[in-house]
């Protein structure tokens, strides 16, 4: 990372870990998946190290845009130059019918971007030592072998959990606005996905 613009092949092979190899990129995605911002604003508001030049920060913005993690949403003329305002693309939500309308390449691109956004939130919390600041934080995962019914039941349960969490978020924001409180910055991620063969102690089916 950092040795010139990524090629198309490099972008296609990229993972959340490779895109987020630089800690500044973690911070950029963590912030820009919440609000639009230019590199200048990012530095001015204290999100970048004070010793880091704006041009260096702008380089990482451009790299993340090349990987499809950010997009330019606004261009403003500023004293003979153009200030680019970026938006994080890891905050998208699609219903099942909307997701089904996308072709496979687009679904893969969006999934990678959303995972990068989530991993940026996790990495940011770990680096700032907030991840384990509460004893009732939740972190679990389980490897399973499912049949078609089991897969469908898992997907339904996760969708229901998302709906409950979304209602919790809306109710909490209403109470915070009513009471004039800042609230607890929080992140909730829900995943369920097919794993490659070899991650289970079960041989793949015959071709």
N, C-alpha and C. Protein backbone atom coordinates (compact mmCIF):
# COMPACT_ATOMS: atom_id res chain seq x y z
N UNK A 1 0.85 -1.20 0.00
CA UNK A 1 0.00 0.00 0.00
C UNK A 1 0.88 1.24 0.00
N UNK A 2 0.51 2.23 -0.80
CA UNK A 2 1.24 3.48 -0.79
C UNK A 2 2.27 3.59 -1.88
N UNK A 3 2.47 2.55 -2.72
CA UNK A 3 3.46 2.61 -3.77
C UNK A 3 2.86 2.93 -5.11
N UNK A 4 2.01 3.95 -5.21
CA UNK A 4 1.35 4.28 -6.45
C UNK A 4 -0.10 3.85 -6.43
N UNK A 5 -0.87 4.28 -7.43
CA UNK A 5 -2.29 3.96 -7.48
C UNK A 5 -2.51 2.46 -7.65
N UNK A 6 -3.51 1.90 -6.98
CA UNK A 6 -3.78 0.47 -7.12
C UNK A 6 -4.29 0.15 -8.51
N UNK A 7 -3.86 -0.98 -9.05
CA UNK A 7 -4.36 -1.42 -10.34
C UNK A 7 -5.76 -2.02 -10.17
N UNK A 8 -6.44 -2.25 -11.30
CA UNK A 8 -7.77 -2.86 -11.23
C UNK A 8 -7.68 -4.24 -10.58
N UNK A 9 -6.65 -5.01 -10.94
CA UNK A 9 -6.49 -6.35 -10.36
C UNK A 9 -6.27 -6.27 -8.86
N UNK A 10 -5.47 -5.28 -8.41
CA UNK A 10 -5.23 -5.12 -6.98
C UNK A 10 -6.51 -4.74 -6.24
N UNK A 11 -7.31 -3.89 -6.85
CA UNK A 11 -8.58 -3.51 -6.22
C UNK A 11 -9.51 -4.71 -6.12
N UNK A 12 -9.53 -5.54 -7.17
CA UNK A 12 -10.42 -6.71 -7.15
C UNK A 12 -9.99 -7.71 -6.10
N UNK A 13 -8.68 -7.80 -5.83
CA UNK A 13 -8.17 -8.77 -4.86
C UNK A 13 -8.14 -8.22 -3.44
N UNK A 14 -8.40 -6.94 -3.29
CA UNK A 14 -8.25 -6.29 -1.99
C UNK A 14 -9.22 -6.86 -0.96
N UNK A 15 -8.78 -6.87 0.28
CA UNK A 15 -9.62 -7.26 1.41
C UNK A 15 -9.72 -6.07 2.35
N UNK A 16 -10.60 -6.19 3.35
CA UNK A 16 -10.71 -5.11 4.32
C UNK A 16 -9.37 -4.86 4.99
N UNK A 17 -8.63 -5.93 5.29
CA UNK A 17 -7.34 -5.78 5.97
C UNK A 17 -6.32 -5.04 5.10
N UNK A 18 -6.29 -5.33 3.81
CA UNK A 18 -5.30 -4.68 2.95
C UNK A 18 -5.63 -3.22 2.72
N UNK A 19 -6.91 -2.91 2.54
CA UNK A 19 -7.30 -1.52 2.31
C UNK A 19 -7.06 -0.68 3.56
N UNK A 20 -7.23 -1.29 4.73
CA UNK A 20 -7.11 -0.56 5.99
C UNK A 20 -5.75 -0.75 6.65
N UNK A 21 -4.73 -1.08 5.84
CA UNK A 21 -3.40 -1.34 6.39
C UNK A 21 -2.81 -0.12 7.08
N UNK A 22 -3.15 1.08 6.64
CA UNK A 22 -2.65 2.31 7.27
C UNK A 22 -3.66 2.79 8.31
N UNK A 23 -3.23 3.08 9.53
CA UNK A 23 -4.19 3.49 10.57
C UNK A 23 -4.98 4.75 10.22
N UNK A 24 -4.40 5.64 9.39
CA UNK A 24 -5.14 6.84 9.01
C UNK A 24 -6.37 6.46 8.18
N UNK A 25 -6.26 5.42 7.37
CA UNK A 25 -7.40 5.01 6.56
C UNK A 25 -8.52 4.47 7.43
N UNK A 26 -8.16 3.81 8.51
CA UNK A 26 -9.16 3.36 9.48
C UNK A 26 -9.95 4.56 10.00
N UNK A 27 -9.22 5.60 10.39
CA UNK A 27 -9.86 6.79 10.94
C UNK A 27 -10.71 7.50 9.88
N UNK A 28 -10.21 7.57 8.65
CA UNK A 28 -10.95 8.24 7.57
C UNK A 28 -12.30 7.55 7.35
N UNK A 29 -12.29 6.22 7.21
CA UNK A 29 -13.54 5.51 6.97
C UNK A 29 -14.46 5.57 8.18
N UNK A 30 -13.87 5.53 9.37
CA UNK A 30 -14.66 5.61 10.59
C UNK A 30 -15.45 6.92 10.62
N UNK A 31 -14.82 8.01 10.22
CA UNK A 31 -15.46 9.33 10.25
C UNK A 31 -16.37 9.54 9.05
N UNK A 32 -15.91 9.17 7.86
CA UNK A 32 -16.67 9.49 6.65
C UNK A 32 -17.86 8.57 6.40
N UNK A 33 -17.95 7.47 7.12
CA UNK A 33 -19.17 6.69 7.05
C UNK A 33 -20.25 7.27 7.95
N UNK A 34 -19.93 8.39 8.63
CA UNK A 34 -20.92 9.11 9.43
C UNK A 34 -21.28 10.46 8.84
N UNK A 35 -20.32 11.11 8.15
CA UNK A 35 -20.62 12.42 7.57
C UNK A 35 -19.67 12.70 6.41
N UNK A 36 -20.13 13.53 5.48
CA UNK A 36 -19.31 13.92 4.34
C UNK A 36 -18.23 14.90 4.80
N UNK A 37 -17.06 14.82 4.15
CA UNK A 37 -15.96 15.67 4.58
C UNK A 37 -14.86 15.71 3.52
N UNK A 38 -14.16 16.83 3.45
CA UNK A 38 -13.00 16.96 2.58
C UNK A 38 -11.74 16.69 3.39
N UNK A 39 -10.61 16.41 2.73
CA UNK A 39 -9.36 16.23 3.47
C UNK A 39 -8.99 17.45 4.32
N UNK A 40 -9.27 18.64 3.80
CA UNK A 40 -8.97 19.87 4.55
C UNK A 40 -9.79 19.92 5.83
N UNK A 41 -11.09 19.62 5.73
CA UNK A 41 -11.95 19.61 6.92
C UNK A 41 -11.51 18.53 7.89
N UNK A 42 -11.11 17.38 7.36
CA UNK A 42 -10.66 16.27 8.20
C UNK A 42 -9.48 16.70 9.06
N UNK A 43 -8.55 17.45 8.46
CA UNK A 43 -7.39 17.93 9.21
C UNK A 43 -7.77 19.07 10.15
N UNK A 44 -8.59 19.99 9.65
CA UNK A 44 -8.96 21.16 10.45
C UNK A 44 -9.72 20.78 11.71
N UNK A 45 -10.51 19.70 11.65
CA UNK A 45 -11.30 19.28 12.80
C UNK A 45 -10.55 18.32 13.72
N UNK A 46 -9.26 18.11 13.44
CA UNK A 46 -8.42 17.36 14.36
C UNK A 46 -8.46 15.86 14.24
N UNK A 47 -8.96 15.32 13.13
CA UNK A 47 -9.03 13.87 12.97
C UNK A 47 -7.70 13.28 12.51
N UNK A 48 -6.85 14.09 11.86
CA UNK A 48 -5.54 13.62 11.41
C UNK A 48 -4.48 14.07 12.42
N UNK A 49 -3.34 13.36 12.48
CA UNK A 49 -2.24 13.81 13.35
C UNK A 49 -1.82 15.23 13.00
N UNK A 50 -1.54 16.04 14.00
CA UNK A 50 -1.20 17.45 13.77
C UNK A 50 0.03 17.60 12.89
N UNK A 51 0.92 16.62 12.93
CA UNK A 51 2.16 16.70 12.17
C UNK A 51 1.99 16.28 10.71
N UNK A 52 0.82 15.78 10.33
CA UNK A 52 0.61 15.26 8.99
C UNK A 52 0.11 16.34 8.05
N UNK A 53 0.75 16.47 6.90
CA UNK A 53 0.37 17.47 5.91
C UNK A 53 -0.96 17.10 5.25
N UNK A 54 -1.72 18.14 4.85
CA UNK A 54 -3.01 17.90 4.21
C UNK A 54 -2.85 17.08 2.94
N UNK A 55 -1.75 17.31 2.21
CA UNK A 55 -1.54 16.58 0.96
C UNK A 55 -1.41 15.07 1.21
N UNK A 56 -0.81 14.71 2.34
CA UNK A 56 -0.68 13.29 2.69
C UNK A 56 -2.04 12.70 3.02
N UNK A 57 -2.86 13.45 3.74
CA UNK A 57 -4.21 13.01 4.07
C UNK A 57 -5.03 12.86 2.79
N UNK A 58 -4.92 13.85 1.89
CA UNK A 58 -5.67 13.81 0.63
C UNK A 58 -5.29 12.59 -0.20
N UNK A 59 -4.01 12.20 -0.13
CA UNK A 59 -3.56 11.00 -0.85
C UNK A 59 -4.33 9.78 -0.37
N UNK A 60 -4.50 9.62 0.93
CA UNK A 60 -5.22 8.46 1.46
C UNK A 60 -6.71 8.53 1.11
N UNK A 61 -7.27 9.73 1.06
CA UNK A 61 -8.65 9.89 0.60
C UNK A 61 -8.77 9.36 -0.83
N UNK A 62 -7.84 9.77 -1.70
CA UNK A 62 -7.89 9.35 -3.10
C UNK A 62 -7.71 7.84 -3.24
N UNK A 63 -6.82 7.27 -2.43
CA UNK A 63 -6.60 5.83 -2.48
C UNK A 63 -7.87 5.08 -2.08
N UNK A 64 -8.53 5.54 -1.02
CA UNK A 64 -9.76 4.89 -0.59
C UNK A 64 -10.86 5.03 -1.65
N UNK A 65 -10.86 6.16 -2.35
CA UNK A 65 -11.82 6.33 -3.44
C UNK A 65 -11.51 5.35 -4.57
N UNK A 66 -10.21 5.14 -4.85
CA UNK A 66 -9.82 4.19 -5.89
C UNK A 66 -10.30 2.78 -5.55
N UNK A 67 -10.29 2.43 -4.28
CA UNK A 67 -10.73 1.11 -3.85
C UNK A 67 -12.25 1.02 -3.70
N UNK A 68 -12.96 2.12 -3.99
CA UNK A 68 -14.42 2.10 -3.90
C UNK A 68 -14.96 2.28 -2.51
N UNK A 69 -14.11 2.71 -1.57
CA UNK A 69 -14.56 2.89 -0.19
C UNK A 69 -15.12 4.29 0.04
N UNK A 70 -14.71 5.25 -0.77
CA UNK A 70 -15.19 6.63 -0.71
C UNK A 70 -15.64 7.07 -2.10
N UNK A 71 -16.46 8.10 -2.15
CA UNK A 71 -16.87 8.69 -3.42
C UNK A 71 -16.91 10.21 -3.26
N UNK A 72 -16.52 10.93 -4.30
CA UNK A 72 -16.61 12.39 -4.30
C UNK A 72 -18.07 12.77 -4.52
N UNK A 73 -18.63 13.55 -3.61
CA UNK A 73 -20.04 13.94 -3.71
C UNK A 73 -20.20 15.43 -3.95
N UNK A 74 -19.09 16.18 -3.86
CA UNK A 74 -19.18 17.64 -4.03
C UNK A 74 -17.81 18.19 -4.40
N UNK A 75 -17.77 19.19 -5.26
CA UNK A 75 -16.53 19.87 -5.62
C UNK A 75 -16.73 21.37 -5.46
N UNK A 76 -15.88 21.99 -4.63
CA UNK A 76 -16.01 23.41 -4.33
C UNK A 76 -14.74 24.15 -4.74
N UNK A 77 -14.91 25.25 -5.46
CA UNK A 77 -13.77 26.07 -5.86
C UNK A 77 -13.20 26.79 -4.65
N UNK A 78 -11.89 26.68 -4.44
CA UNK A 78 -11.24 27.30 -3.29
C UNK A 78 -9.92 27.93 -3.73
N UNK A 79 -9.90 29.25 -3.95
CA UNK A 79 -8.68 30.00 -4.23
C UNK A 79 -7.83 29.35 -5.33
N UNK A 80 -8.44 29.15 -6.46
CA UNK A 80 -7.72 28.63 -7.60
C UNK A 80 -7.60 27.13 -7.64
N UNK A 81 -8.11 26.42 -6.63
CA UNK A 81 -8.08 24.96 -6.62
C UNK A 81 -9.50 24.43 -6.35
N UNK A 82 -9.63 23.14 -6.36
CA UNK A 82 -10.94 22.52 -6.13
C UNK A 82 -10.86 21.65 -4.88
N UNK A 83 -11.76 21.89 -3.94
CA UNK A 83 -11.84 21.09 -2.72
C UNK A 83 -12.85 19.97 -2.95
N UNK A 84 -12.40 18.73 -2.83
CA UNK A 84 -13.26 17.57 -3.04
C UNK A 84 -13.84 17.10 -1.71
N UNK A 85 -15.15 16.99 -1.67
CA UNK A 85 -15.85 16.48 -0.49
C UNK A 85 -16.21 15.02 -0.75
N UNK A 86 -15.84 14.15 0.19
CA UNK A 86 -16.03 12.71 0.01
C UNK A 86 -17.11 12.18 0.94
N UNK A 87 -17.63 11.01 0.56
CA UNK A 87 -18.62 10.31 1.38
C UNK A 87 -18.20 8.85 1.51
N UNK A 88 -18.30 8.29 2.72
CA UNK A 88 -18.03 6.87 2.92
C UNK A 88 -19.16 6.03 2.34
N UNK A 89 -18.79 4.92 1.70
CA UNK A 89 -19.79 4.08 1.03
C UNK A 89 -20.07 2.79 1.79
N UNK A 90 -19.65 2.71 3.05
CA UNK A 90 -19.86 1.49 3.83
C UNK A 90 -21.09 1.53 4.70
N UNK A 91 -21.99 2.47 4.45
CA UNK A 91 -23.16 2.59 5.32
C UNK A 91 -24.46 2.25 4.60
N UNK A 92 -24.35 1.56 3.46
CA UNK A 92 -25.54 1.26 2.66
C UNK A 92 -26.35 0.13 3.28
N UNK A 93 -27.68 0.16 3.06
CA UNK A 93 -28.55 -0.94 3.45
C UNK A 93 -29.44 -1.28 2.26
N UNK A 94 -29.58 -2.55 1.97
CA UNK A 94 -30.41 -2.99 0.86
C UNK A 94 -31.40 -4.03 1.37
N UNK A 95 -32.64 -3.93 0.92
CA UNK A 95 -33.61 -4.98 1.21
C UNK A 95 -33.29 -6.18 0.31
N UNK A 96 -33.86 -7.34 0.62
CA UNK A 96 -33.61 -8.53 -0.19
C UNK A 96 -33.98 -8.32 -1.66
N UNK A 97 -35.16 -7.73 -1.98
CA UNK A 97 -35.49 -7.51 -3.39
C UNK A 97 -34.50 -6.55 -4.08
N UNK A 98 -34.07 -5.49 -3.38
CA UNK A 98 -33.11 -4.57 -3.97
C UNK A 98 -31.77 -5.26 -4.22
N UNK A 99 -31.34 -6.07 -3.28
CA UNK A 99 -30.06 -6.79 -3.40
C UNK A 99 -30.12 -7.77 -4.57
N UNK A 100 -31.27 -8.42 -4.74
CA UNK A 100 -31.44 -9.41 -5.80
C UNK A 100 -31.36 -8.78 -7.18
N UNK A 101 -31.68 -7.50 -7.29
CA UNK A 101 -31.65 -6.81 -8.59
C UNK A 101 -30.23 -6.49 -9.05
N UNK A 102 -29.26 -6.52 -8.13
CA UNK A 102 -27.87 -6.20 -8.47
C UNK A 102 -27.18 -7.42 -9.07
N UNK A 103 -26.25 -7.17 -10.01
CA UNK A 103 -25.49 -8.30 -10.54
C UNK A 103 -24.42 -8.72 -9.53
N UNK A 104 -23.83 -9.88 -9.76
CA UNK A 104 -22.90 -10.46 -8.78
C UNK A 104 -21.71 -9.55 -8.53
N UNK A 105 -21.13 -8.96 -9.59
CA UNK A 105 -19.96 -8.10 -9.41
C UNK A 105 -20.28 -6.90 -8.54
N UNK A 106 -21.48 -6.34 -8.72
CA UNK A 106 -21.87 -5.18 -7.92
C UNK A 106 -22.10 -5.57 -6.47
N UNK A 107 -22.69 -6.75 -6.25
CA UNK A 107 -22.89 -7.22 -4.88
C UNK A 107 -21.55 -7.45 -4.18
N UNK A 108 -20.60 -8.03 -4.91
CA UNK A 108 -19.28 -8.26 -4.32
C UNK A 108 -18.62 -6.93 -3.96
N UNK A 109 -18.69 -5.96 -4.87
CA UNK A 109 -18.07 -4.65 -4.61
C UNK A 109 -18.69 -3.98 -3.39
N UNK A 110 -20.02 -4.00 -3.31
CA UNK A 110 -20.70 -3.37 -2.18
C UNK A 110 -20.41 -4.10 -0.87
N UNK A 111 -20.35 -5.43 -0.93
CA UNK A 111 -20.06 -6.20 0.29
C UNK A 111 -18.68 -5.86 0.82
N UNK A 112 -17.68 -5.79 -0.08
CA UNK A 112 -16.33 -5.45 0.35
C UNK A 112 -16.29 -4.07 0.98
N UNK A 113 -17.00 -3.12 0.39
CA UNK A 113 -17.02 -1.76 0.91
C UNK A 113 -17.68 -1.71 2.28
N UNK A 114 -18.77 -2.44 2.45
CA UNK A 114 -19.48 -2.43 3.74
C UNK A 114 -18.65 -3.10 4.83
N UNK A 115 -17.95 -4.18 4.47
CA UNK A 115 -17.07 -4.84 5.45
C UNK A 115 -15.93 -3.91 5.85
N UNK A 116 -15.37 -3.17 4.87
CA UNK A 116 -14.31 -2.22 5.18
C UNK A 116 -14.80 -1.16 6.16
N UNK A 117 -16.04 -0.68 5.95
CA UNK A 117 -16.59 0.31 6.87
C UNK A 117 -16.76 -0.24 8.27
N UNK A 118 -17.24 -1.48 8.37
CA UNK A 118 -17.42 -2.10 9.68
C UNK A 118 -16.07 -2.34 10.35
N UNK A 119 -15.10 -2.87 9.59
CA UNK A 119 -13.78 -3.14 10.16
C UNK A 119 -13.10 -1.85 10.61
N UNK A 120 -13.35 -0.75 9.90
CA UNK A 120 -12.79 0.54 10.33
C UNK A 120 -13.35 0.92 11.69
N UNK A 121 -14.63 0.67 11.92
CA UNK A 121 -15.22 0.96 13.22
C UNK A 121 -14.60 0.07 14.31
N UNK A 122 -14.41 -1.21 14.00
CA UNK A 122 -13.82 -2.13 14.98
C UNK A 122 -12.38 -1.73 15.29
N UNK A 123 -11.59 -1.50 14.23
CA UNK A 123 -10.18 -1.13 14.43
C UNK A 123 -10.06 0.17 15.21
N UNK A 124 -10.93 1.14 14.88
CA UNK A 124 -10.89 2.42 15.58
C UNK A 124 -11.17 2.26 17.06
N UNK A 125 -12.14 1.41 17.39
CA UNK A 125 -12.48 1.18 18.80
C UNK A 125 -11.36 0.44 19.52
N UNK A 126 -10.72 -0.52 18.84
CA UNK A 126 -9.61 -1.24 19.46
C UNK A 126 -8.41 -0.32 19.70
N UNK A 127 -8.11 0.53 18.70
CA UNK A 127 -6.95 1.41 18.82
C UNK A 127 -7.17 2.49 19.87
N UNK A 128 -8.42 2.93 20.04
CA UNK A 128 -8.70 3.98 21.03
C UNK A 128 -9.06 3.40 22.40
N UNK A 129 -9.05 2.07 22.51
CA UNK A 129 -9.29 1.37 23.77
C UNK A 129 -10.70 1.57 24.30
N UNK A 130 -11.67 1.76 23.40
CA UNK A 130 -13.07 1.83 23.84
C UNK A 130 -13.79 0.49 23.65
N UNK A 131 -13.23 -0.40 22.83
CA UNK A 131 -13.92 -1.64 22.47
C UNK A 131 -14.31 -2.44 23.72
N UNK A 132 -13.40 -2.55 24.69
CA UNK A 132 -13.66 -3.32 25.89
C UNK A 132 -13.88 -2.45 27.12
N UNK A 133 -14.32 -1.20 26.90
CA UNK A 133 -14.52 -0.30 28.03
C UNK A 133 -15.79 -0.65 28.82
N UNK A 134 -16.68 -1.45 28.25
CA UNK A 134 -17.89 -1.89 28.95
C UNK A 134 -17.90 -3.41 29.01
N UNK A 135 -18.19 -3.96 30.19
CA UNK A 135 -18.14 -5.41 30.34
C UNK A 135 -19.26 -6.11 29.58
N UNK A 136 -20.34 -5.40 29.25
CA UNK A 136 -21.45 -6.04 28.54
C UNK A 136 -21.42 -5.75 27.04
N UNK A 137 -20.24 -5.44 26.51
CA UNK A 137 -20.13 -5.36 25.05
C UNK A 137 -20.30 -6.76 24.48
N UNK A 138 -20.72 -6.89 23.23
CA UNK A 138 -21.04 -8.21 22.66
C UNK A 138 -20.10 -8.52 21.51
N UNK A 139 -19.49 -9.71 21.54
CA UNK A 139 -18.64 -10.18 20.45
C UNK A 139 -18.74 -11.70 20.41
N UNK A 140 -19.46 -12.22 19.42
CA UNK A 140 -19.59 -13.67 19.26
C UNK A 140 -19.58 -14.02 17.78
N UNK A 141 -19.10 -15.21 17.45
CA UNK A 141 -19.31 -15.76 16.11
C UNK A 141 -19.27 -17.27 16.21
N UNK A 142 -19.91 -17.94 15.26
CA UNK A 142 -20.01 -19.39 15.30
C UNK A 142 -19.90 -19.93 13.88
N UNK A 143 -19.10 -20.99 13.70
CA UNK A 143 -19.01 -21.69 12.42
C UNK A 143 -20.05 -22.81 12.42
N UNK A 144 -20.80 -22.92 11.32
CA UNK A 144 -21.90 -23.90 11.27
C UNK A 144 -21.89 -24.64 9.94
N UNK A 145 -22.59 -25.76 9.92
CA UNK A 145 -22.88 -26.46 8.67
C UNK A 145 -24.40 -26.54 8.57
N UNK A 146 -24.98 -25.87 7.59
CA UNK A 146 -26.43 -25.71 7.50
C UNK A 146 -26.99 -26.39 6.25
N UNK A 147 -28.23 -26.85 6.34
CA UNK A 147 -28.96 -27.24 5.13
C UNK A 147 -29.74 -26.02 4.64
N UNK A 148 -30.49 -26.16 3.56
CA UNK A 148 -31.21 -25.02 3.00
C UNK A 148 -32.20 -24.42 3.99
N UNK A 149 -32.87 -25.28 4.74
CA UNK A 149 -33.82 -24.76 5.73
C UNK A 149 -33.09 -24.00 6.82
N UNK A 150 -31.96 -24.56 7.28
CA UNK A 150 -31.19 -23.88 8.32
C UNK A 150 -30.68 -22.53 7.85
N UNK A 151 -30.20 -22.47 6.59
CA UNK A 151 -29.71 -21.20 6.04
C UNK A 151 -30.84 -20.17 6.02
N UNK A 152 -32.02 -20.59 5.56
CA UNK A 152 -33.16 -19.68 5.48
C UNK A 152 -33.56 -19.20 6.87
N UNK A 153 -33.55 -20.10 7.85
CA UNK A 153 -33.92 -19.73 9.21
C UNK A 153 -32.89 -18.75 9.81
N UNK A 154 -31.61 -18.98 9.53
CA UNK A 154 -30.59 -18.06 10.02
C UNK A 154 -30.77 -16.67 9.41
N UNK A 155 -30.99 -16.61 8.10
CA UNK A 155 -31.16 -15.33 7.43
C UNK A 155 -32.37 -14.57 7.98
N UNK A 156 -33.45 -15.30 8.24
CA UNK A 156 -34.65 -14.67 8.80
C UNK A 156 -34.39 -14.13 10.20
N UNK A 157 -33.67 -14.92 11.02
CA UNK A 157 -33.37 -14.48 12.39
C UNK A 157 -32.49 -13.24 12.38
N UNK A 158 -31.51 -13.17 11.47
CA UNK A 158 -30.63 -12.01 11.42
C UNK A 158 -31.38 -10.77 10.95
N UNK A 159 -32.29 -10.95 9.98
CA UNK A 159 -33.10 -9.82 9.53
C UNK A 159 -33.98 -9.29 10.65
N UNK A 160 -34.54 -10.20 11.43
CA UNK A 160 -35.38 -9.80 12.56
C UNK A 160 -34.55 -9.06 13.60
N UNK A 161 -33.32 -9.55 13.85
CA UNK A 161 -32.44 -8.88 14.81
C UNK A 161 -32.10 -7.47 14.33
N UNK A 162 -31.84 -7.32 13.03
CA UNK A 162 -31.56 -5.99 12.49
C UNK A 162 -32.74 -5.06 12.70
N UNK A 163 -33.95 -5.56 12.46
CA UNK A 163 -35.13 -4.74 12.66
C UNK A 163 -35.28 -4.28 14.10
N UNK A 164 -34.98 -5.16 15.05
CA UNK A 164 -35.06 -4.80 16.47
C UNK A 164 -34.00 -3.75 16.82
N UNK A 165 -32.78 -3.94 16.32
CA UNK A 165 -31.71 -2.98 16.61
C UNK A 165 -32.03 -1.62 16.00
N UNK A 166 -32.59 -1.61 14.80
CA UNK A 166 -32.95 -0.34 14.16
C UNK A 166 -34.01 0.40 14.98
N UNK A 167 -34.97 -0.35 15.54
CA UNK A 167 -36.00 0.28 16.38
C UNK A 167 -35.38 0.81 17.67
N UNK A 168 -34.42 0.06 18.25
CA UNK A 168 -33.71 0.52 19.45
C UNK A 168 -32.98 1.83 19.16
N UNK A 169 -32.32 1.88 17.98
CA UNK A 169 -31.60 3.11 17.59
C UNK A 169 -32.55 4.30 17.49
N UNK A 170 -33.67 4.11 16.80
CA UNK A 170 -34.62 5.21 16.61
C UNK A 170 -35.19 5.69 17.96
N UNK A 171 -35.55 4.75 18.83
CA UNK A 171 -36.10 5.11 20.14
C UNK A 171 -35.07 5.86 20.98
N UNK A 172 -33.81 5.38 20.94
CA UNK A 172 -32.75 6.02 21.73
C UNK A 172 -32.48 7.44 21.23
N UNK A 173 -32.45 7.63 19.91
CA UNK A 173 -32.20 8.97 19.37
C UNK A 173 -33.31 9.93 19.77
N UNK A 174 -34.54 9.45 19.79
CA UNK A 174 -35.66 10.29 20.20
C UNK A 174 -35.52 10.71 21.67
N UNK A 175 -35.12 9.76 22.54
CA UNK A 175 -34.94 10.09 23.96
C UNK A 175 -33.77 11.06 24.16
N UNK A 176 -32.67 10.84 23.43
CA UNK A 176 -31.50 11.71 23.56
C UNK A 176 -31.83 13.14 23.13
N UNK A 177 -32.57 13.25 22.04
CA UNK A 177 -32.96 14.60 21.57
C UNK A 177 -33.89 15.27 22.57
N UNK A 178 -34.80 14.50 23.16
CA UNK A 178 -35.73 15.04 24.14
C UNK A 178 -35.01 15.51 25.40
N UNK A 179 -34.02 14.71 25.85
CA UNK A 179 -33.34 15.00 27.10
C UNK A 179 -32.09 15.86 26.93
N UNK A 180 -31.70 16.14 25.68
CA UNK A 180 -30.51 16.95 25.43
C UNK A 180 -29.21 16.28 25.82
N UNK A 181 -29.15 14.95 25.70
CA UNK A 181 -27.96 14.21 26.08
C UNK A 181 -27.15 13.82 24.84
N UNK A 182 -25.85 13.55 25.05
CA UNK A 182 -24.97 13.18 23.94
C UNK A 182 -25.10 11.71 23.57
N UNK A 183 -25.31 10.84 24.53
CA UNK A 183 -25.45 9.43 24.26
C UNK A 183 -24.11 8.70 24.21
N UNK A 184 -24.15 7.41 23.94
CA UNK A 184 -22.97 6.54 23.90
C UNK A 184 -22.68 6.19 22.44
N UNK A 185 -21.57 6.67 21.87
CA UNK A 185 -21.22 6.26 20.50
C UNK A 185 -21.10 4.75 20.43
N UNK A 186 -21.86 4.11 19.55
CA UNK A 186 -21.93 2.65 19.52
C UNK A 186 -21.96 2.14 18.09
N UNK A 187 -21.55 0.89 17.91
CA UNK A 187 -21.60 0.23 16.61
C UNK A 187 -22.15 -1.17 16.79
N UNK A 188 -23.06 -1.57 15.91
CA UNK A 188 -23.59 -2.92 15.91
C UNK A 188 -23.46 -3.49 14.51
N UNK A 189 -22.78 -4.62 14.38
CA UNK A 189 -22.64 -5.27 13.09
C UNK A 189 -23.27 -6.66 13.14
N UNK A 190 -24.01 -7.02 12.08
CA UNK A 190 -24.66 -8.32 12.00
C UNK A 190 -24.24 -8.97 10.68
N UNK A 191 -23.64 -10.17 10.75
CA UNK A 191 -23.19 -10.85 9.54
C UNK A 191 -23.63 -12.30 9.55
N UNK A 192 -23.92 -12.82 8.39
CA UNK A 192 -24.14 -14.24 8.19
C UNK A 192 -23.81 -14.54 6.74
N UNK A 193 -22.86 -15.44 6.47
CA UNK A 193 -22.38 -15.61 5.10
C UNK A 193 -21.86 -17.02 4.87
N UNK A 194 -21.89 -17.50 3.62
CA UNK A 194 -21.31 -18.82 3.31
C UNK A 194 -19.79 -18.75 3.42
N UNK A 195 -19.19 -19.74 4.05
CA UNK A 195 -17.73 -19.81 4.18
C UNK A 195 -17.15 -20.74 3.12
N UNK A 196 -15.87 -20.57 2.78
CA UNK A 196 -15.26 -21.46 1.79
C UNK A 196 -15.06 -22.86 2.36
N UNK A 197 -15.04 -23.84 1.48
CA UNK A 197 -14.73 -25.20 1.91
C UNK A 197 -13.31 -25.24 2.44
N UNK A 198 -13.10 -26.01 3.47
CA UNK A 198 -11.78 -26.08 4.09
C UNK A 198 -11.77 -25.42 5.44
N UNK A 199 -12.79 -24.56 5.72
CA UNK A 199 -12.88 -23.94 7.04
C UNK A 199 -13.68 -24.81 8.00
N UNK A 200 -14.32 -25.87 7.47
CA UNK A 200 -15.02 -26.84 8.29
C UNK A 200 -14.30 -28.18 8.16
N UNK A 201 -14.43 -29.04 9.14
CA UNK A 201 -13.82 -30.37 9.07
C UNK A 201 -14.72 -31.33 8.31
N UNK A 202 -15.22 -30.85 7.16
CA UNK A 202 -16.11 -31.63 6.31
C UNK A 202 -15.65 -31.49 4.87
N UNK A 203 -15.44 -32.57 4.15
CA UNK A 203 -14.99 -32.44 2.76
C UNK A 203 -16.07 -31.85 1.88
N UNK A 204 -15.68 -31.13 0.81
CA UNK A 204 -16.69 -30.57 -0.10
C UNK A 204 -17.41 -31.68 -0.85
N UNK A 205 -18.63 -31.41 -1.34
CA UNK A 205 -19.36 -32.44 -2.10
C UNK A 205 -18.63 -32.73 -3.41
N UNK A 206 -18.83 -33.93 -3.93
CA UNK A 206 -18.22 -34.28 -5.21
C UNK A 206 -18.75 -33.37 -6.31
N UNK A 207 -17.84 -32.97 -7.22
CA UNK A 207 -18.26 -32.10 -8.33
C UNK A 207 -19.13 -32.87 -9.28
